[in-house]
Amino acid sequence: MSPKRTKNIGEVSLEKDRVISVTKASAHLAEIMRKSGEAPTVVTQNGSPIGVVLGLELFIEMRELARHQLESLEEEGGGQDDQQAESS
């Protein structure tokens, strides 16, 4: 048995069992949604990735992480702006 060939887009693995065409995705949406908690599924159109189906828990975690990172950046940037304003 030969190893699976995979490609990556950023950190998203394009393993064959986690990539589906938009046509097949629309026909099997309920099944894809049930499996979305296990790992994200990349949806393609004409062979090119166009979207990702991921579970709600992962989506919430990603939003929280993004929110925390944005807050950290704003705090860091705010501190620098305050220092620049004081020196003017």
Foldseek 3Di string as FASTA:
>chain_A
DDDFDWDDDPPDIPTPVQEEEPVVCVVCVVVQQVCQAVDKHFYDYPPHTDDIRHHPVVVVVVVVVVVVVVVVVCVVVVVVVVVVVVVD
